[in-house]
Amino acid sequence: MREAHCRCGSVTARAEGNPVRVSICHCDACKRRTGSAFSHNSTWPDDAVEVEGETRRWTRIAESGGEVSYDFCPTCGSTIAYRLDARPGMVTIAVGAFADPAFPVPHAEIYAEQAPAWLGRLLDEAAQE
């Protein structure tokens, strides 16, 4: 069982087993959600995740034209989970919310063409050290 928390600790997501997908995404919406150069995400079957605590939901239309619904903590604003109508029965949780340095390595990269140019160079340099 893995536990993810919002920043203030009011909302907890418990995920059983292993994620079906671990990815990073460079789309503008994910960059804005995380405040970073990309997002680091884990996707799970809905029935493997339990969320405790009060959340609010915000829904937007994705670049694909489908809906994305975000569940977030009303106190600290952290997104605890989100769902895409393009992936029914699945829920995505930010890997950072687990605060687990041993989390599985990403195996998918989304919107790589929108990644900052320096990111590839930085990763290549780190691999050479």
N, C-alpha and C. Protein backbone atom coordinates (compact mmCIF):
# COMPACT_ATOMS: atom_id res chain seq x y z
N MET A 1 0.86 -1.18 0.00
CA MET A 1 0.00 0.00 0.00
C MET A 1 0.89 1.24 0.00
N ARG A 2 0.63 2.13 -0.91
CA ARG A 2 1.36 3.40 -0.97
C ARG A 2 0.42 4.52 -0.55
N GLU A 3 0.96 5.53 0.15
CA GLU A 3 0.16 6.66 0.60
C GLU A 3 0.68 7.96 0.01
N ALA A 4 -0.23 8.72 -0.53
CA ALA A 4 0.08 10.05 -1.04
C ALA A 4 -0.68 11.06 -0.19
N HIS A 5 -0.09 12.24 0.01
CA HIS A 5 -0.72 13.27 0.83
C HIS A 5 -0.64 14.61 0.13
N CYS A 6 -1.62 15.46 0.43
CA CYS A 6 -1.53 16.85 -0.01
C CYS A 6 -0.49 17.54 0.88
N ARG A 7 -0.17 18.78 0.59
CA ARG A 7 0.87 19.48 1.37
C ARG A 7 0.50 19.67 2.82
N CYS A 8 -0.77 19.90 3.13
CA CYS A 8 -1.15 20.16 4.53
C CYS A 8 -1.53 18.88 5.27
N GLY A 9 -1.65 17.76 4.54
CA GLY A 9 -1.96 16.49 5.18
C GLY A 9 -3.44 16.22 5.40
N SER A 10 -4.31 17.10 4.91
CA SER A 10 -5.75 16.91 5.10
C SER A 10 -6.36 15.85 4.19
N VAL A 11 -5.70 15.59 3.05
CA VAL A 11 -6.21 14.61 2.09
C VAL A 11 -5.15 13.54 1.88
N THR A 12 -5.58 12.30 1.92
CA THR A 12 -4.70 11.15 1.71
C THR A 12 -5.28 10.27 0.61
N ALA A 13 -4.41 9.82 -0.26
CA ALA A 13 -4.80 8.81 -1.26
C ALA A 13 -3.99 7.56 -0.97
N ARG A 14 -4.66 6.44 -0.83
CA ARG A 14 -3.99 5.16 -0.63
C ARG A 14 -4.14 4.34 -1.90
N ALA A 15 -3.02 3.87 -2.42
CA ALA A 15 -3.03 3.10 -3.66
C ALA A 15 -2.45 1.72 -3.38
N GLU A 16 -3.19 0.71 -3.78
CA GLU A 16 -2.79 -0.68 -3.53
C GLU A 16 -2.10 -1.25 -4.77
N GLY A 17 -1.04 -1.98 -4.53
CA GLY A 17 -0.30 -2.61 -5.62
C GLY A 17 0.65 -1.64 -6.28
N ASN A 18 0.84 -1.84 -7.58
CA ASN A 18 1.73 -0.98 -8.34
C ASN A 18 0.94 -0.22 -9.40
N PRO A 19 1.42 0.96 -9.78
CA PRO A 19 0.72 1.70 -10.82
C PRO A 19 0.79 0.95 -12.14
N VAL A 20 -0.22 1.13 -12.98
CA VAL A 20 -0.21 0.53 -14.31
C VAL A 20 0.63 1.36 -15.28
N ARG A 21 0.89 2.60 -14.90
CA ARG A 21 1.70 3.47 -15.75
C ARG A 21 2.36 4.53 -14.89
N VAL A 22 3.62 4.79 -15.15
CA VAL A 22 4.34 5.90 -14.53
C VAL A 22 4.89 6.73 -15.70
N SER A 23 4.58 8.01 -15.70
CA SER A 23 4.93 8.84 -16.85
C SER A 23 5.37 10.23 -16.41
N ILE A 24 5.98 10.92 -17.36
CA ILE A 24 6.22 12.35 -17.20
C ILE A 24 5.52 13.03 -18.37
N CYS A 25 5.01 14.23 -18.12
CA CYS A 25 4.27 14.96 -19.15
C CYS A 25 4.79 16.39 -19.22
N HIS A 26 4.97 16.86 -20.45
CA HIS A 26 5.50 18.21 -20.69
C HIS A 26 4.44 19.16 -21.22
N CYS A 27 3.16 18.78 -21.18
CA CYS A 27 2.13 19.69 -21.71
C CYS A 27 2.04 20.94 -20.81
N ASP A 28 1.56 22.01 -21.40
CA ASP A 28 1.47 23.27 -20.66
C ASP A 28 0.56 23.16 -19.44
N ALA A 29 -0.53 22.40 -19.55
CA ALA A 29 -1.45 22.27 -18.41
C ALA A 29 -0.76 21.59 -17.23
N CYS A 30 0.02 20.57 -17.49
CA CYS A 30 0.74 19.88 -16.40
C CYS A 30 1.82 20.78 -15.81
N LYS A 31 2.50 21.54 -16.66
CA LYS A 31 3.51 22.47 -16.15
C LYS A 31 2.86 23.49 -15.21
N ARG A 32 1.69 23.98 -15.61
CA ARG A 32 1.00 24.96 -14.75
C ARG A 32 0.51 24.32 -13.45
N ARG A 33 0.04 23.06 -13.54
CA ARG A 33 -0.45 22.37 -12.34
C ARG A 33 0.67 22.16 -11.34
N THR A 34 1.85 21.80 -11.83
CA THR A 34 2.96 21.48 -10.92
C THR A 34 3.87 22.67 -10.63
N GLY A 35 3.87 23.67 -11.50
CA GLY A 35 4.81 24.77 -11.35
C GLY A 35 6.22 24.35 -11.71
N SER A 36 6.35 23.30 -12.51
CA SER A 36 7.66 22.76 -12.86
C SER A 36 7.77 22.60 -14.37
N ALA A 37 8.90 22.05 -14.83
CA ALA A 37 9.14 21.86 -16.25
C ALA A 37 8.36 20.68 -16.82
N PHE A 38 7.85 19.81 -15.94
CA PHE A 38 7.05 18.66 -16.35
C PHE A 38 6.35 18.11 -15.13
N SER A 39 5.40 17.19 -15.35
CA SER A 39 4.76 16.51 -14.23
C SER A 39 5.21 15.05 -14.21
N HIS A 40 5.20 14.45 -13.05
CA HIS A 40 5.61 13.05 -12.84
C HIS A 40 4.38 12.35 -12.27
N ASN A 41 3.80 11.43 -13.02
CA ASN A 41 2.47 10.90 -12.71
C ASN A 41 2.45 9.38 -12.58
N SER A 42 1.56 8.89 -11.75
CA SER A 42 1.33 7.45 -11.62
C SER A 42 -0.16 7.20 -11.84
N THR A 43 -0.48 6.20 -12.67
CA THR A 43 -1.87 5.91 -13.00
C THR A 43 -2.24 4.54 -12.46
N TRP A 44 -3.42 4.48 -11.86
CA TRP A 44 -3.90 3.29 -11.14
C TRP A 44 -5.34 2.97 -11.56
N PRO A 45 -5.73 1.71 -11.42
CA PRO A 45 -7.16 1.41 -11.58
C PRO A 45 -7.94 2.09 -10.45
N ASP A 46 -9.12 2.61 -10.77
CA ASP A 46 -9.96 3.29 -9.76
C ASP A 46 -10.15 2.45 -8.50
N ASP A 47 -10.36 1.15 -8.67
CA ASP A 47 -10.65 0.31 -7.51
C ASP A 47 -9.42 0.01 -6.65
N ALA A 48 -8.23 0.47 -7.08
CA ALA A 48 -7.02 0.30 -6.28
C ALA A 48 -6.71 1.54 -5.43
N VAL A 49 -7.51 2.61 -5.59
CA VAL A 49 -7.24 3.88 -4.91
C VAL A 49 -8.41 4.28 -4.03
N GLU A 50 -8.07 4.71 -2.83
CA GLU A 50 -9.06 5.24 -1.88
C GLU A 50 -8.59 6.62 -1.44
N VAL A 51 -9.46 7.61 -1.54
CA VAL A 51 -9.12 8.97 -1.13
C VAL A 51 -9.91 9.31 0.12
N GLU A 52 -9.19 9.81 1.14
CA GLU A 52 -9.82 10.25 2.39
C GLU A 52 -9.60 11.74 2.56
N GLY A 53 -10.59 12.41 3.08
CA GLY A 53 -10.50 13.85 3.32
C GLY A 53 -11.34 14.60 2.31
N GLU A 54 -11.63 15.84 2.65
CA GLU A 54 -12.47 16.68 1.80
C GLU A 54 -11.69 17.12 0.56
N THR A 55 -12.29 16.97 -0.60
CA THR A 55 -11.68 17.46 -1.84
C THR A 55 -12.71 18.30 -2.59
N ARG A 56 -12.20 19.10 -3.48
CA ARG A 56 -13.02 19.85 -4.43
C ARG A 56 -12.60 19.38 -5.81
N ARG A 57 -13.47 19.60 -6.79
CA ARG A 57 -13.19 19.15 -8.16
C ARG A 57 -13.27 20.32 -9.12
N TRP A 58 -12.32 20.34 -10.03
CA TRP A 58 -12.31 21.30 -11.12
C TRP A 58 -12.11 20.52 -12.42
N THR A 59 -12.89 20.84 -13.44
CA THR A 59 -12.83 20.13 -14.71
C THR A 59 -12.50 21.10 -15.84
N ARG A 60 -11.66 20.65 -16.74
CA ARG A 60 -11.29 21.47 -17.91
C ARG A 60 -11.36 20.60 -19.15
N ILE A 61 -11.31 21.23 -20.30
CA ILE A 61 -11.26 20.53 -21.58
C ILE A 61 -9.79 20.43 -21.99
N ALA A 62 -9.34 19.21 -22.24
CA ALA A 62 -7.95 18.96 -22.63
C ALA A 62 -7.72 19.32 -24.09
N GLU A 63 -6.45 19.37 -24.49
CA GLU A 63 -6.11 19.64 -25.89
C GLU A 63 -6.76 18.62 -26.81
N SER A 64 -6.99 17.41 -26.32
CA SER A 64 -7.61 16.34 -27.10
C SER A 64 -9.10 16.56 -27.31
N GLY A 65 -9.68 17.48 -26.52
CA GLY A 65 -11.11 17.74 -26.58
C GLY A 65 -11.89 17.03 -25.49
N GLY A 66 -11.25 16.11 -24.78
CA GLY A 66 -11.90 15.39 -23.68
C GLY A 66 -11.80 16.16 -22.38
N GLU A 67 -12.52 15.68 -21.37
CA GLU A 67 -12.50 16.32 -20.05
C GLU A 67 -11.41 15.73 -19.16
N VAL A 68 -10.84 16.61 -18.33
CA VAL A 68 -9.91 16.21 -17.28
C VAL A 68 -10.47 16.80 -15.99
N SER A 69 -10.66 15.96 -14.97
CA SER A 69 -11.21 16.40 -13.68
C SER A 69 -10.16 16.23 -12.60
N TYR A 70 -9.91 17.32 -11.88
CA TYR A 70 -8.88 17.34 -10.84
C TYR A 70 -9.55 17.39 -9.46
N ASP A 71 -9.15 16.50 -8.57
CA ASP A 71 -9.59 16.54 -7.17
C ASP A 71 -8.46 17.14 -6.36
N PHE A 72 -8.76 18.21 -5.65
CA PHE A 72 -7.71 18.92 -4.92
C PHE A 72 -8.15 19.24 -3.50
N CYS A 73 -7.17 19.48 -2.65
CA CYS A 73 -7.43 19.86 -1.26
C CYS A 73 -7.88 21.31 -1.21
N PRO A 74 -9.03 21.60 -0.59
CA PRO A 74 -9.50 22.98 -0.53
C PRO A 74 -8.69 23.85 0.43
N THR A 75 -7.89 23.23 1.29
CA THR A 75 -7.08 24.00 2.23
C THR A 75 -5.77 24.46 1.62
N CYS A 76 -5.00 23.50 1.04
CA CYS A 76 -3.68 23.87 0.52
C CYS A 76 -3.62 23.93 -1.00
N GLY A 77 -4.65 23.46 -1.67
CA GLY A 77 -4.70 23.54 -3.12
C GLY A 77 -3.99 22.43 -3.87
N SER A 78 -3.37 21.49 -3.17
CA SER A 78 -2.67 20.39 -3.85
C SER A 78 -3.64 19.51 -4.61
N THR A 79 -3.30 19.19 -5.84
CA THR A 79 -4.07 18.20 -6.60
C THR A 79 -3.70 16.83 -6.04
N ILE A 80 -4.68 16.09 -5.59
CA ILE A 80 -4.41 14.76 -5.04
C ILE A 80 -4.61 13.69 -6.11
N ALA A 81 -5.51 13.92 -7.05
CA ALA A 81 -5.78 12.94 -8.10
C ALA A 81 -6.45 13.64 -9.27
N TYR A 82 -6.32 13.02 -10.45
CA TYR A 82 -7.09 13.52 -11.59
C TYR A 82 -7.47 12.37 -12.50
N ARG A 83 -8.52 12.61 -13.27
CA ARG A 83 -9.08 11.60 -14.16
C ARG A 83 -9.32 12.20 -15.53
N LEU A 84 -9.01 11.42 -16.55
CA LEU A 84 -9.26 11.81 -17.94
C LEU A 84 -10.40 10.95 -18.46
N ASP A 85 -11.36 11.57 -19.12
CA ASP A 85 -12.45 10.75 -19.65
C ASP A 85 -11.96 9.79 -20.74
N ALA A 86 -10.78 10.07 -21.28
CA ALA A 86 -10.18 9.18 -22.28
C ALA A 86 -9.64 7.89 -21.65
N ARG A 87 -9.49 7.88 -20.31
CA ARG A 87 -9.03 6.67 -19.60
C ARG A 87 -10.05 6.30 -18.53
N PRO A 88 -11.22 5.81 -18.93
CA PRO A 88 -12.23 5.46 -17.93
C PRO A 88 -11.74 4.36 -17.00
N GLY A 89 -12.13 4.48 -15.73
CA GLY A 89 -11.75 3.49 -14.74
C GLY A 89 -10.34 3.64 -14.20
N MET A 90 -9.68 4.74 -14.55
CA MET A 90 -8.31 4.98 -14.11
C MET A 90 -8.23 6.32 -13.37
N VAL A 91 -7.30 6.41 -12.44
CA VAL A 91 -7.06 7.64 -11.69
C VAL A 91 -5.55 7.87 -11.66
N THR A 92 -5.16 9.13 -11.78
CA THR A 92 -3.74 9.48 -11.78
C THR A 92 -3.41 10.29 -10.53
N ILE A 93 -2.30 9.95 -9.91
CA ILE A 93 -1.82 10.63 -8.70
C ILE A 93 -0.39 11.10 -8.98
N ALA A 94 -0.08 12.33 -8.62
CA ALA A 94 1.27 12.85 -8.80
C ALA A 94 2.25 12.04 -7.95
N VAL A 95 3.34 11.62 -8.56
CA VAL A 95 4.33 10.80 -7.85
C VAL A 95 4.89 11.57 -6.66
N GLY A 96 5.07 12.88 -6.80
CA GLY A 96 5.60 13.67 -5.69
C GLY A 96 4.75 13.62 -4.44
N ALA A 97 3.45 13.39 -4.59
CA ALA A 97 2.57 13.30 -3.42
C ALA A 97 2.87 12.06 -2.57
N PHE A 98 3.52 11.07 -3.16
CA PHE A 98 3.91 9.88 -2.41
C PHE A 98 5.19 10.11 -1.61
N ALA A 99 6.00 11.09 -2.04
CA ALA A 99 7.27 11.40 -1.38
C ALA A 99 8.09 10.12 -1.15
N ASP A 100 8.19 9.29 -2.19
CA ASP A 100 8.87 8.00 -2.12
C ASP A 100 10.00 7.97 -3.14
N PRO A 101 11.27 8.09 -2.67
CA PRO A 101 12.39 8.10 -3.62
C PRO A 101 12.57 6.76 -4.35
N ALA A 102 11.96 5.69 -3.87
CA ALA A 102 12.08 4.38 -4.51
C ALA A 102 10.91 4.09 -5.46
N PHE A 103 10.13 5.11 -5.81
CA PHE A 103 8.98 4.91 -6.68
C PHE A 103 9.46 4.40 -8.04
N PRO A 104 8.67 3.57 -8.73
CA PRO A 104 9.10 3.05 -10.04
C PRO A 104 9.45 4.16 -11.03
N VAL A 105 10.40 3.86 -11.88
CA VAL A 105 10.89 4.79 -12.90
C VAL A 105 9.82 5.02 -13.97
N PRO A 106 9.71 6.26 -14.49
CA PRO A 106 8.74 6.50 -15.57
C PRO A 106 9.08 5.66 -16.80
N HIS A 107 8.05 5.19 -17.46
CA HIS A 107 8.26 4.44 -18.71
C HIS A 107 7.52 5.05 -19.89
N ALA A 108 6.96 6.23 -19.68
CA ALA A 108 6.30 6.93 -20.78
C ALA A 108 6.57 8.43 -20.63
N GLU A 109 6.75 9.10 -21.78
CA GLU A 109 6.95 10.54 -21.80
C GLU A 109 5.91 11.12 -22.76
N ILE A 110 5.11 12.05 -22.26
CA ILE A 110 4.02 12.63 -23.01
C ILE A 110 4.38 14.07 -23.40
N TYR A 111 3.99 14.48 -24.59
CA TYR A 111 4.28 15.83 -25.11
C TYR A 111 5.77 16.16 -25.01
N ALA A 112 6.61 15.20 -25.38
CA ALA A 112 8.07 15.40 -25.31
C ALA A 112 8.52 16.59 -26.15
N GLU A 113 7.78 16.88 -27.22
CA GLU A 113 8.16 18.00 -28.08
C GLU A 113 8.01 19.35 -27.36
N GLN A 114 7.30 19.37 -26.23
CA GLN A 114 7.14 20.60 -25.46
C GLN A 114 8.10 20.66 -24.27
N ALA A 115 9.00 19.69 -24.18
CA ALA A 115 9.98 19.69 -23.08
C ALA A 115 10.98 20.82 -23.30
N PRO A 116 11.45 21.43 -22.21
CA PRO A 116 12.46 22.48 -22.38
C PRO A 116 13.75 21.88 -22.95
N ALA A 117 14.41 22.61 -23.82
CA ALA A 117 15.62 22.11 -24.49
C ALA A 117 16.71 21.73 -23.48
N TRP A 118 16.81 22.44 -22.37
CA TRP A 118 17.86 22.16 -21.40
C TRP A 118 17.67 20.83 -20.69
N LEU A 119 16.45 20.31 -20.65
CA LEU A 119 16.18 19.09 -19.89
C LEU A 119 16.95 17.89 -20.45
N GLY A 120 16.94 17.72 -21.76
CA GLY A 120 17.67 16.61 -22.37
C GLY A 120 19.16 16.70 -22.09
N ARG A 121 19.71 17.90 -22.21
CA ARG A 121 21.15 18.09 -21.94
C ARG A 121 21.46 17.78 -20.48
N LEU A 122 20.61 18.24 -19.58
CA LEU A 122 20.83 18.01 -18.16
C LEU A 122 20.82 16.51 -17.84
N LEU A 123 19.86 15.78 -18.40
CA LEU A 123 19.78 14.35 -18.16
C LEU A 123 20.96 13.61 -18.77
N ASP A 124 21.40 14.02 -19.97
CA ASP A 124 22.57 13.40 -20.59
C ASP A 124 23.81 13.61 -19.73
N GLU A 125 24.00 14.83 -19.21
CA GLU A 125 25.14 15.13 -18.36
C GLU A 125 25.11 14.30 -17.08
N ALA A 126 23.95 14.17 -16.49
CA ALA A 126 23.81 13.39 -15.24
C ALA A 126 24.15 11.93 -15.49
N ALA A 127 23.77 11.39 -16.64
CA ALA A 127 24.02 9.99 -16.96
C ALA A 127 25.51 9.74 -17.16
N GLN A 128 26.27 10.76 -17.58
CA GLN A 128 27.69 10.61 -17.82
C GLN A 128 28.52 10.68 -16.54
N GLU A 129 27.95 11.23 -15.49
CA GLU A 129 28.72 11.40 -14.23
C GLU A 129 28.87 10.11 -13.49
